[in-house]
């Protein structure tokens, strides 16, 4: 596991709750949905593995926002 993966994993582990953004109309309208930490880590690992040659970890890390209230929002 790379340092960048560890940073993303740490955010997931620290989160009280996890929310992911879902586009509803395909343009701008969407909603956050609550999910589990295990699902977030599973799909994040899948994404990392399938894009390992062209992955921009800075961009990935920026989409995982751990807020002050302890909730993780993934955009």
Protein backbone atom coordinates (compact mmCIF):
# COMPACT_ATOMS: atom_id res chain seq x y z
CA UNK A 1 0.00 0.00 0.00
CA UNK A 2 1.43 3.37 -1.01
CA UNK A 3 1.53 6.44 1.23
CA UNK A 4 -1.28 8.01 -0.76
CA UNK A 5 -3.46 4.94 -0.28
CA UNK A 6 -2.70 5.08 3.44
CA UNK A 7 -3.86 8.71 3.61
CA UNK A 8 -7.18 7.85 1.96
CA UNK A 9 -7.56 4.77 4.17
CA UNK A 10 -6.86 6.87 7.27
CA UNK A 11 -9.65 9.29 6.39
CA UNK A 12 -12.04 6.37 6.00
CA UNK A 13 -10.97 4.85 9.33
CA UNK A 14 -11.34 8.17 11.18
CA UNK A 15 -14.81 8.90 9.82
CA UNK A 16 -17.87 8.66 12.01
CA UNK A 17 -20.13 8.36 8.97
CA UNK A 18 -19.49 8.16 5.22
CA UNK A 19 -21.51 9.89 2.52
CA UNK A 20 -21.07 9.62 -1.23
CA UNK A 21 -22.37 12.05 -3.83
CA UNK A 22 -24.69 10.66 -6.48
CA UNK A 23 -25.66 12.61 -9.58
CA UNK A 24 -29.39 12.33 -10.07
CA UNK A 25 -29.89 14.23 -13.32
CA UNK A 26 -26.44 13.74 -14.84
CA UNK A 27 -25.58 17.43 -14.70
CA UNK A 28 -25.70 19.24 -11.36
CA UNK A 29 -28.55 17.86 -9.29
CA UNK A 30 -27.55 15.20 -6.84
CA UNK A 31 -27.73 13.95 -3.30
CA UNK A 32 -25.39 12.56 -0.65
CA UNK A 33 -26.15 9.00 0.37
CA UNK A 34 -24.93 7.38 3.56
CA UNK A 35 -22.83 4.27 3.07
CA UNK A 36 -20.53 2.03 5.10
CA UNK A 37 -16.79 2.37 5.62
CA UNK A 38 -16.26 -1.13 4.25
CA UNK A 39 -18.10 -0.27 1.03
CA UNK A 40 -16.13 2.96 0.67
CA UNK A 41 -12.82 1.13 1.12
CA UNK A 42 -13.86 -1.74 -1.16
CA UNK A 43 -14.83 0.53 -4.07
CA UNK A 44 -11.85 2.83 -3.50
CA UNK A 45 -9.46 -0.15 -3.67
CA UNK A 46 -11.21 -1.36 -6.82
CA UNK A 47 -10.78 2.09 -8.37
CA UNK A 48 -7.10 2.29 -7.37
CA UNK A 49 -6.35 -1.17 -8.75
CA UNK A 50 -8.12 -0.59 -12.05
CA UNK A 51 -6.49 2.82 -12.61
CA UNK A 52 -3.07 2.20 -11.07
CA UNK A 53 -1.15 3.31 -14.19
CA UNK A 54 -2.96 6.63 -14.63
CA UNK A 55 -4.12 7.43 -11.11
CA UNK A 56 -3.87 10.99 -9.80
CA UNK A 57 -3.75 10.49 -6.03
CA UNK A 58 -3.87 14.22 -5.34
CA UNK A 59 -7.21 14.43 -7.11
CA UNK A 60 -8.45 11.25 -5.43
CA UNK A 61 -7.39 12.47 -1.99
CA UNK A 62 -9.13 15.82 -2.60
CA UNK A 63 -12.45 14.08 -3.27
CA UNK A 64 -12.37 12.54 0.21
CA UNK A 65 -13.27 15.36 2.61
CA UNK A 66 -13.17 14.54 6.32
CA UNK A 67 -15.14 17.35 7.95
CA UNK A 68 -14.65 18.72 11.45
CA UNK A 69 -17.74 16.86 12.67
CA UNK A 70 -16.00 13.59 11.77
CA UNK A 71 -18.14 12.78 8.74
CA UNK A 72 -16.47 11.81 5.46
CA UNK A 73 -17.94 13.21 2.26
CA UNK A 74 -16.86 11.78 -1.08
CA UNK A 75 -17.56 13.93 -4.13
